[in-house]
Structures are given as C-alpha cells and as structure tokens.
Amino acid sequence: MTSIELKERKVDGVTILTVEQGLKGEMESILKERIDQLVQEGSLQIVVDLKHVPYMDSRDIGRLIRSHLSVRQAGGRVRLCNLSDKVLDVLRMTRLDTVLDLYKSEAEALAAILGRKTESRASAITRTG
C-alpha cells in the first residue's frame, strides 16, 4: 500500500511506514487501518517513521498508543523513529518514552528488531540525559 500520506516498504521482513504528513484527519484512519491489516496478515514487526511529523498533540499520541496496543496484543511491536525534538519532548512529559519503543533513526530501529548491534534506544538516552 502506498498513498500520498503514507509510504510503505519492507526491509528484512520488517514493515516500515513513513508518515508523510501529520497524523490529523484522514491520516489517522489510514495509519490505523494499515496497521490493523498488517496485524491480520501476520506482519507484526512495524517501524513508524515520523520524520515528517514536527509535532504531536494528545490526540495524535492517543492514535499511536491505540496502534501500539493492537500490535502488542497480537504479539508484535511497533517502533517509532526519527522523532522531532518537540515530539520527543511531548512523549517525555507524558512518560510515554518509557512505554513506547523510540529510536533516533530507522537504522537503529531495524537493528533492534533484527538483533544487530547499534547505539542505544532514544528513550534510554532521554532517561539518562
């Protein structure tokens, strides 16, 4: 699936979804529906790249949490990468950086999934910094 707002590709069996716009409006349903489809297909390792999302409000975070929970209930994981400083600040303030799997880059998220060595998770860095 590819749309103007959501790009999708696979790397070593991991689905990478790149959000090309904010999570508002139609994008919310597009992302949630695609993640639900991936779970039904058995694709349970998902990376959501947020490099084009400069800020999130509480509704946006709620959308990500719902997706995270549905994948976790199916036995998978959603990892978030390329978060802006503003998004990371919001996740820190809400303490969701201790719950969600956050990575500085797509490469780090993939390395964590595939068991390769790389730098620490972004959330681990934020807790020590």
Protein backbone atom coordinates (compact mmCIF):
# COMPACT_ATOMS: atom_id res chain seq x y z
CA MET A 1 0.00 0.00 0.00
CA THR A 2 1.26 3.44 -0.87
CA SER A 3 -0.59 6.72 -0.68
CA ILE A 4 0.46 10.34 -0.71
CA GLU A 5 0.36 10.43 3.09
CA LEU A 6 1.81 7.01 3.95
CA LYS A 7 4.71 5.27 2.28
CA GLU A 8 5.35 1.61 2.95
CA ARG A 9 8.25 -0.72 2.31
CA LYS A 10 9.73 -3.90 3.73
CA VAL A 11 13.28 -4.45 4.92
CA ASP A 12 14.25 -7.95 6.05
CA GLY A 13 10.62 -8.77 6.88
CA VAL A 14 10.03 -5.57 8.85
CA THR A 15 7.34 -3.20 7.60
CA ILE A 16 8.39 0.44 7.58
CA LEU A 17 5.58 3.00 7.41
CA THR A 18 6.68 6.58 6.74
CA VAL A 19 4.11 9.19 7.68
CA GLU A 20 4.45 11.92 5.06
CA GLN A 21 2.11 14.37 6.80
CA GLY A 22 0.78 14.92 10.30
CA LEU A 23 -1.46 12.39 11.99
CA LYS A 24 -4.53 14.59 11.80
CA GLY A 25 -7.68 13.92 9.82
CA GLU A 26 -7.65 11.17 7.23
CA MET A 27 -4.08 10.18 8.08
CA GLU A 28 -5.25 8.81 11.44
CA SER A 29 -7.57 6.30 9.81
CA ILE A 30 -5.10 5.46 7.04
CA LEU A 31 -2.35 4.59 9.53
CA LYS A 32 -4.65 2.68 11.90
CA GLU A 33 -6.28 0.71 9.07
CA ARG A 34 -2.92 -0.22 7.56
CA ILE A 35 -1.51 -1.33 10.91
CA ASP A 36 -4.65 -3.39 11.52
CA GLN A 37 -4.24 -5.00 8.07
CA LEU A 38 -0.59 -5.78 8.80
CA VAL A 39 -1.57 -7.49 12.05
CA GLN A 40 -4.21 -9.57 10.23
CA GLU A 41 -1.57 -10.55 7.66
CA GLY A 42 0.81 -11.59 10.43
CA SER A 43 3.27 -8.73 9.88
CA LEU A 44 3.95 -7.91 13.50
CA GLN A 45 7.25 -6.03 13.32
CA ILE A 46 6.45 -2.46 12.34
CA VAL A 47 8.52 0.71 12.30
CA VAL A 48 6.70 4.02 12.02
CA ASP A 49 8.98 6.75 10.71
CA LEU A 50 7.84 10.16 11.94
CA LYS A 51 10.50 12.36 10.32
CA HIS A 52 7.81 14.45 8.59
CA VAL A 53 5.76 14.96 11.78
CA PRO A 54 7.06 18.08 13.54
CA TYR A 55 4.65 18.00 16.49
CA MET A 56 2.00 15.80 18.12
CA ASP A 57 -0.83 16.71 20.41
CA SER A 58 -2.61 14.42 22.87
CA ARG A 59 -4.97 13.11 20.17
CA ASP A 60 -2.06 12.15 17.93
CA ILE A 61 -0.38 10.36 20.82
CA GLY A 62 -3.62 8.54 21.58
CA ARG A 63 -3.74 7.30 17.99
CA LEU A 64 -0.23 5.92 18.24
CA ILE A 65 -0.96 4.28 21.59
CA ARG A 66 -4.04 2.53 20.16
CA SER A 67 -1.96 1.19 17.27
CA HIS A 68 0.81 0.16 19.65
CA LEU A 69 -1.65 -1.73 21.86
CA SER A 70 -3.34 -3.58 18.99
CA VAL A 71 0.01 -4.81 17.66
CA ARG A 72 1.22 -5.76 21.16
CA GLN A 73 -1.96 -7.76 21.79
CA ALA A 74 -1.20 -9.72 18.62
CA GLY A 75 2.33 -10.44 19.83
CA GLY A 76 4.19 -7.82 17.79
CA ARG A 77 5.87 -4.48 18.30
CA VAL A 78 5.58 -1.00 16.87
CA ARG A 79 8.74 1.05 16.96
CA LEU A 80 8.83 4.78 16.34
CA CYS A 81 11.83 6.50 14.79
CA ASN A 82 13.07 9.88 13.61
CA LEU A 83 11.07 11.83 16.17
CA SER A 84 11.44 15.60 16.20
CA ASP A 85 12.61 17.24 19.42
CA LYS A 86 9.09 18.57 20.00
CA VAL A 87 7.53 15.12 19.63
CA LEU A 88 10.15 13.59 21.90
CA ASP A 89 9.52 16.33 24.50
CA VAL A 90 5.78 15.56 24.49
CA LEU A 91 6.46 11.84 24.91
CA ARG A 92 8.86 12.58 27.78
CA MET A 93 6.34 14.85 29.52
CA THR A 94 3.69 12.14 29.33
CA ARG A 95 6.27 9.47 30.34
CA LEU A 96 5.40 7.51 27.21
CA ASP A 97 9.10 7.42 26.34
CA THR A 98 9.30 4.67 28.99
CA VAL A 99 6.48 2.67 27.35
CA LEU A 100 6.97 3.10 23.60
CA ASP A 101 9.96 1.85 21.63
CA LEU A 102 11.64 5.03 20.40
CA TYR A 103 14.70 5.19 18.16
CA LYS A 104 16.79 8.02 16.75
CA SER A 105 16.84 6.52 13.28
CA GLU A 106 15.31 3.84 11.10
CA ALA A 107 18.66 2.02 11.13
CA GLU A 108 18.62 1.80 14.94
CA ALA A 109 15.03 0.55 14.98
CA LEU A 110 15.84 -2.11 12.38
CA ALA A 111 18.99 -3.12 14.26
CA ALA A 112 16.96 -3.62 17.44
CA ILE A 113 14.41 -5.78 15.64
CA LEU A 114 16.97 -7.80 13.74
CA GLY A 115 19.33 -8.22 16.70
CA ARG A 116 22.17 -6.17 15.31
CA LYS A 117 24.42 -4.01 17.45
CA THR A 118 23.92 -0.25 17.31
CA GLU A 119 23.58 2.73 19.63
CA SER A 120 21.05 2.82 22.46
CA ARG A 121 17.36 3.44 22.04
CA ALA A 122 16.41 7.12 22.03
CA SER A 123 14.20 6.57 25.08
CA ALA A 124 17.12 5.11 27.02
CA ILE A 125 19.22 8.13 26.11
CA THR A 126 16.50 10.55 27.22
CA ARG A 127 16.18 8.87 30.61
CA THR A 128 19.87 9.21 31.33
CA GLY A 129 20.27 12.69 29.86
